[in-house]
C-alpha atoms as a PDB file:
ATOM      1  CA  UNK A   1     -17.120  -2.433   7.163  1.00  0.00           C
ATOM      2  CA  UNK A   2     -16.421   1.266   6.789  1.00  0.00           C
ATOM      3  CA  UNK A   3     -17.315   2.961   3.517  1.00  0.00           C
ATOM      4  CA  UNK A   4     -14.274   4.088   1.540  1.00  0.00           C
ATOM      5  CA  UNK A   5     -13.607   7.676   0.622  1.00  0.00           C
ATOM      6  CA  UNK A   6     -11.920   7.545  -2.796  1.00  0.00           C
ATOM      7  CA  UNK A   7      -9.755  10.114  -4.520  1.00  0.00           C
ATOM      8  CA  UNK A   8      -7.675  10.071  -7.673  1.00  0.00           C
ATOM      9  CA  UNK A   9      -4.283  11.764  -7.757  1.00  0.00           C
ATOM     10  CA  UNK A  10      -1.127  12.069  -9.838  1.00  0.00           C
ATOM     11  CA  UNK A  11       1.452  14.827  -9.370  1.00  0.00           C
ATOM     12  CA  UNK A  12      -0.515  16.851  -6.813  1.00  0.00           C
ATOM     13  CA  UNK A  13      -0.449  14.510  -3.833  1.00  0.00           C
ATOM     14  CA  UNK A  14      -1.604  16.904  -1.095  1.00  0.00           C
ATOM     15  CA  UNK A  15      -5.065  15.341  -0.685  1.00  0.00           C
ATOM     16  CA  UNK A  16      -3.621  11.809  -0.724  1.00  0.00           C
ATOM     17  CA  UNK A  17      -1.062  12.753   1.944  1.00  0.00           C
ATOM     18  CA  UNK A  18      -3.830  14.304   4.070  1.00  0.00           C
ATOM     19  CA  UNK A  19      -5.841  11.066   3.718  1.00  0.00           C
ATOM     20  CA  UNK A  20      -2.910   9.028   5.012  1.00  0.00           C
ATOM     21  CA  UNK A  21      -2.368  11.487   7.878  1.00  0.00           C
ATOM     22  CA  UNK A  22      -6.056  11.166   8.825  1.00  0.00           C
ATOM     23  CA  UNK A  23      -5.700   7.433   9.588  1.00  0.00           C
ATOM     24  CA  UNK A  24      -2.766   7.815  11.996  1.00  0.00           C
ATOM     25  CA  UNK A  25      -2.767   6.065  15.383  1.00  0.00           C
ATOM     26  CA  UNK A  26      -5.020   3.207  14.366  1.00  0.00           C
ATOM     27  CA  UNK A  27      -7.866   5.263  12.921  1.00  0.00           C
ATOM     28  CA  UNK A  28      -8.002   3.263   9.679  1.00  0.00           C
ATOM     29  CA  UNK A  29      -6.257   2.186   6.515  1.00  0.00           C
ATOM     30  CA  UNK A  30      -5.655   3.305   2.929  1.00  0.00           C
ATOM     31  CA  UNK A  31      -5.291   1.371  -0.299  1.00  0.00           C
ATOM     32  CA  UNK A  32      -3.363   2.822  -3.239  1.00  0.00           C
ATOM     33  CA  UNK A  33      -4.087   1.318  -6.640  1.00  0.00           C
ATOM     34  CA  UNK A  34      -2.705   2.479  -9.992  1.00  0.00           C
ATOM     35  CA  UNK A  35      -5.327   3.654 -12.462  1.00  0.00           C
ATOM     36  CA  UNK A  36      -4.967   1.531 -15.579  1.00  0.00           C
ATOM     37  CA  UNK A  37      -5.978   1.868 -19.223  1.00  0.00           C
ATOM     38  CA  UNK A  38      -7.937  -1.397 -19.465  1.00  0.00           C
ATOM     39  CA  UNK A  39     -10.791  -2.552 -17.248  1.00  0.00           C
ATOM     40  CA  UNK A  40      -8.873  -4.882 -14.909  1.00  0.00           C
ATOM     41  CA  UNK A  41      -9.861  -5.863 -11.360  1.00  0.00           C
ATOM     42  CA  UNK A  42      -7.674  -5.112  -8.342  1.00  0.00           C
ATOM     43  CA  UNK A  43      -5.862  -8.067  -6.803  1.00  0.00           C
ATOM     44  CA  UNK A  44      -7.578  -9.586  -3.764  1.00  0.00           C
ATOM     45  CA  UNK A  45      -6.583 -12.245  -1.231  1.00  0.00           C
ATOM     46  CA  UNK A  46      -8.475 -15.174   0.185  1.00  0.00           C
ATOM     47  CA  UNK A  47      -7.264 -17.458   2.969  1.00  0.00           C
ATOM     48  CA  UNK A  48      -5.361 -19.639   0.479  1.00  0.00           C
ATOM     49  CA  UNK A  49      -3.495 -16.822  -1.283  1.00  0.00           C
ATOM     50  CA  UNK A  50      -4.232 -14.695  -4.315  1.00  0.00           C
ATOM     51  CA  UNK A  51      -7.631 -15.322  -5.895  1.00  0.00           C
ATOM     52  CA  UNK A  52      -6.297 -14.898  -9.377  1.00  0.00           C
ATOM     53  CA  UNK A  53      -2.919 -14.453 -10.969  1.00  0.00           C
ATOM     54  CA  UNK A  54      -3.656 -11.253 -12.822  1.00  0.00           C
ATOM     55  CA  UNK A  55      -4.933  -7.891 -11.735  1.00  0.00           C
ATOM     56  CA  UNK A  56      -3.831  -4.466 -10.630  1.00  0.00           C
ATOM     57  CA  UNK A  57      -1.256  -4.231  -7.857  1.00  0.00           C
ATOM     58  CA  UNK A  58      -2.644  -2.953  -4.528  1.00  0.00           C
ATOM     59  CA  UNK A  59      -0.704  -1.366  -1.652  1.00  0.00           C
ATOM     60  CA  UNK A  60      -2.503  -1.270   1.731  1.00  0.00           C
ATOM     61  CA  UNK A  61      -1.274   0.897   4.603  1.00  0.00           C
ATOM     62  CA  UNK A  62      -2.766  -0.012   8.000  1.00  0.00           C
ATOM     63  CA  UNK A  63      -2.065   1.989  11.147  1.00  0.00           C
ATOM     64  CA  UNK A  64      -2.116   0.679  14.715  1.00  0.00           C
ATOM     65  CA  UNK A  65      -3.222   2.476  17.883  1.00  0.00           C
ATOM     66  CA  UNK A  66      -0.732   3.295  20.604  1.00  0.00           C
ATOM     67  CA  UNK A  67      -0.226   0.680  23.323  1.00  0.00           C
ATOM     68  CA  UNK A  68       0.620   1.620  26.873  1.00  0.00           C
ATOM     69  CA  UNK A  69       1.346   5.149  25.700  1.00  0.00           C
ATOM     70  CA  UNK A  70       3.804   4.063  22.993  1.00  0.00           C
ATOM     71  CA  UNK A  71       3.242   4.564  19.285  1.00  0.00           C
ATOM     72  CA  UNK A  72       3.146   1.314  17.326  1.00  0.00           C
ATOM     73  CA  UNK A  73       4.539   0.633  13.869  1.00  0.00           C
ATOM     74  CA  UNK A  74       2.129   0.410  10.957  1.00  0.00           C
ATOM     75  CA  UNK A  75       2.106  -2.152   8.180  1.00  0.00           C
ATOM     76  CA  UNK A  76       2.293  -1.776   4.431  1.00  0.00           C
ATOM     77  CA  UNK A  77       1.205  -4.756   2.380  1.00  0.00           C
ATOM     78  CA  UNK A  78       1.564  -5.067  -1.383  1.00  0.00           C
ATOM     79  CA  UNK A  79      -0.390  -7.590  -3.447  1.00  0.00           C
ATOM     80  CA  UNK A  80       1.302  -8.273  -6.760  1.00  0.00           C
ATOM     81  CA  UNK A  81       1.769 -11.085  -9.256  1.00  0.00           C
ATOM     82  CA  UNK A  82       5.576 -11.230  -9.361  1.00  0.00           C
ATOM     83  CA  UNK A  83       6.165 -13.926  -6.734  1.00  0.00           C
ATOM     84  CA  UNK A  84       8.979 -13.465  -4.232  1.00  0.00           C
ATOM     85  CA  UNK A  85      10.899 -10.281  -4.889  1.00  0.00           C
ATOM     86  CA  UNK A  86      14.100 -10.895  -2.926  1.00  0.00           C
ATOM     87  CA  UNK A  87      16.199  -8.520  -0.831  1.00  0.00           C
ATOM     88  CA  UNK A  88      17.894  -6.645  -3.656  1.00  0.00           C
ATOM     89  CA  UNK A  89      14.668  -5.888  -5.544  1.00  0.00           C
ATOM     90  CA  UNK A  90      12.859  -4.863  -2.358  1.00  0.00           C
ATOM     91  CA  UNK A  91      15.724  -2.521  -1.419  1.00  0.00           C
ATOM     92  CA  UNK A  92      15.491  -0.941  -4.885  1.00  0.00           C
ATOM     93  CA  UNK A  93      11.739  -0.462  -4.499  1.00  0.00           C
ATOM     94  CA  UNK A  94      12.075   1.068  -1.027  1.00  0.00           C
ATOM     95  CA  UNK A  95      14.787   3.468  -2.236  1.00  0.00           C
ATOM     96  CA  UNK A  96      16.144   4.045   1.277  1.00  0.00           C
ATOM     97  CA  UNK A  97      12.839   4.073   3.174  1.00  0.00           C
ATOM     98  CA  UNK A  98      13.473   2.470   6.608  1.00  0.00           C
ATOM     99  CA  UNK A  99      10.726  -0.142   6.314  1.00  0.00           C
ATOM    100  CA  UNK A 100      11.435  -3.635   7.633  1.00  0.00           C
ATOM    101  CA  UNK A 101      10.407  -6.646   5.538  1.00  0.00           C
ATOM    102  CA  UNK A 102       8.256  -9.067   7.525  1.00  0.00           C
ATOM    103  CA  UNK A 103       7.026 -11.135   4.565  1.00  0.00           C
ATOM    104  CA  UNK A 104       8.092 -11.699   0.956  1.00  0.00           C
ATOM    105  CA  UNK A 105       5.715 -14.472  -0.048  1.00  0.00           C
ATOM    106  CA  UNK A 106       5.211 -15.845  -3.541  1.00  0.00           C
ATOM    107  CA  UNK A 107       1.389 -15.879  -3.162  1.00  0.00           C
ATOM    108  CA  UNK A 108       0.513 -13.466  -0.349  1.00  0.00           C
ATOM    109  CA  UNK A 109       2.775 -10.624  -1.470  1.00  0.00           C
ATOM    110  CA  UNK A 110       5.067  -8.273   0.365  1.00  0.00           C
ATOM    111  CA  UNK A 111       4.535  -7.086   3.942  1.00  0.00           C
ATOM    112  CA  UNK A 112       6.547  -4.274   5.478  1.00  0.00           C
ATOM    113  CA  UNK A 113       6.691  -2.785   8.964  1.00  0.00           C
ATOM    114  CA  UNK A 114       6.589   1.029   8.860  1.00  0.00           C
ATOM    115  CA  UNK A 115       8.081   2.948  11.822  1.00  0.00           C
ATOM    116  CA  UNK A 116       5.491   4.981  13.725  1.00  0.00           C
ATOM    117  CA  UNK A 117       7.220   8.300  13.050  1.00  0.00           C
ATOM    118  CA  UNK A 118       7.308   7.895   9.245  1.00  0.00           C
ATOM    119  CA  UNK A 119       5.905  10.896   7.356  1.00  0.00           C
ATOM    120  CA  UNK A 120       2.736  10.278   5.347  1.00  0.00           C
ATOM    121  CA  UNK A 121       4.487  11.657   2.256  1.00  0.00           C
ATOM    122  CA  UNK A 122       7.215   9.001   2.560  1.00  0.00           C
ATOM    123  CA  UNK A 123       4.606   6.241   2.929  1.00  0.00           C
ATOM    124  CA  UNK A 124       2.740   7.504  -0.143  1.00  0.00           C
ATOM    125  CA  UNK A 125       5.969   7.730  -2.169  1.00  0.00           C
ATOM    126  CA  UNK A 126       6.737   4.077  -1.435  1.00  0.00           C
ATOM    127  CA  UNK A 127       3.159   3.011  -2.168  1.00  0.00           C
ATOM    128  CA  UNK A 128       3.216   4.746  -5.550  1.00  0.00           C
ATOM    129  CA  UNK A 129       6.722   3.563  -6.458  1.00  0.00           C
ATOM    130  CA  UNK A 130       6.023  -0.069  -5.556  1.00  0.00           C
ATOM    131  CA  UNK A 131       2.623  -0.262  -7.231  1.00  0.00           C
ATOM    132  CA  UNK A 132       4.037   1.327 -10.395  1.00  0.00           C
ATOM    133  CA  UNK A 133       7.018  -1.004 -10.534  1.00  0.00           C
ATOM    134  CA  UNK A 134       4.964  -4.148  -9.931  1.00  0.00           C
ATOM    135  CA  UNK A 135       1.906  -3.338 -12.040  1.00  0.00           C
ATOM    136  CA  UNK A 136       1.558  -5.678 -15.029  1.00  0.00           C
ATOM    137  CA  UNK A 137      -1.090  -3.535 -16.725  1.00  0.00           C
ATOM    138  CA  UNK A 138      -0.617  -0.284 -18.687  1.00  0.00           C
ATOM    139  CA  UNK A 139      -1.023   2.588 -16.222  1.00  0.00           C
ATOM    140  CA  UNK A 140      -2.577   5.998 -16.864  1.00  0.00           C
ATOM    141  CA  UNK A 141      -0.046   7.841 -14.677  1.00  0.00           C
ATOM    142  CA  UNK A 142      -2.430   8.377 -11.778  1.00  0.00           C
ATOM    143  CA  UNK A 143      -3.565   6.396  -8.739  1.00  0.00           C
ATOM    144  CA  UNK A 144      -6.717   5.863  -6.721  1.00  0.00           C
ATOM    145  CA  UNK A 145      -6.567   6.087  -2.943  1.00  0.00           C
ATOM    146  CA  UNK A 146      -9.352   4.473  -0.950  1.00  0.00           C
ATOM    147  CA  UNK A 147      -9.422   5.571   2.687  1.00  0.00           C
ATOM    148  CA  UNK A 148     -11.291   3.599   5.328  1.00  0.00           C
ATOM    149  CA  UNK A 149     -11.884   5.153   8.764  1.00  0.00           C
ATOM    150  CA  UNK A 150     -12.681   2.886  11.692  1.00  0.00           C
ATOM    151  CA  UNK A 151     -15.840   3.635  13.633  1.00  0.00           C
END
């Protein structure tokens, strides 16, 4: 398992955007997690669903390598404790981003398909907006980004 490179960011998102750009074309993945006031664990998944029903919302952006010379869409998964969100709420959270919903599951969270040509800044905006809106814990106003590069 690759070692994460972690950064914290708030209004100045340049380093976070560069981290997302660095994983393009299947080179890795990034997790965005809100920084919170209390000491609360991040949500995690096991094969049966969420391990626990409380924790900090996590958005994971995973890129895919090109196939047969064609760029592939990436995926953006969001672990949260709110159950199914529904079309209207998801549309509000995406705020016009052209991401396609592939899963809205009450235990496994939200899964979105991200077009290959989507700007890293747009991906980060959605990750921050969704994690903020679905976080059940008091946030500090900043996020942590963990970047994992594949070997």
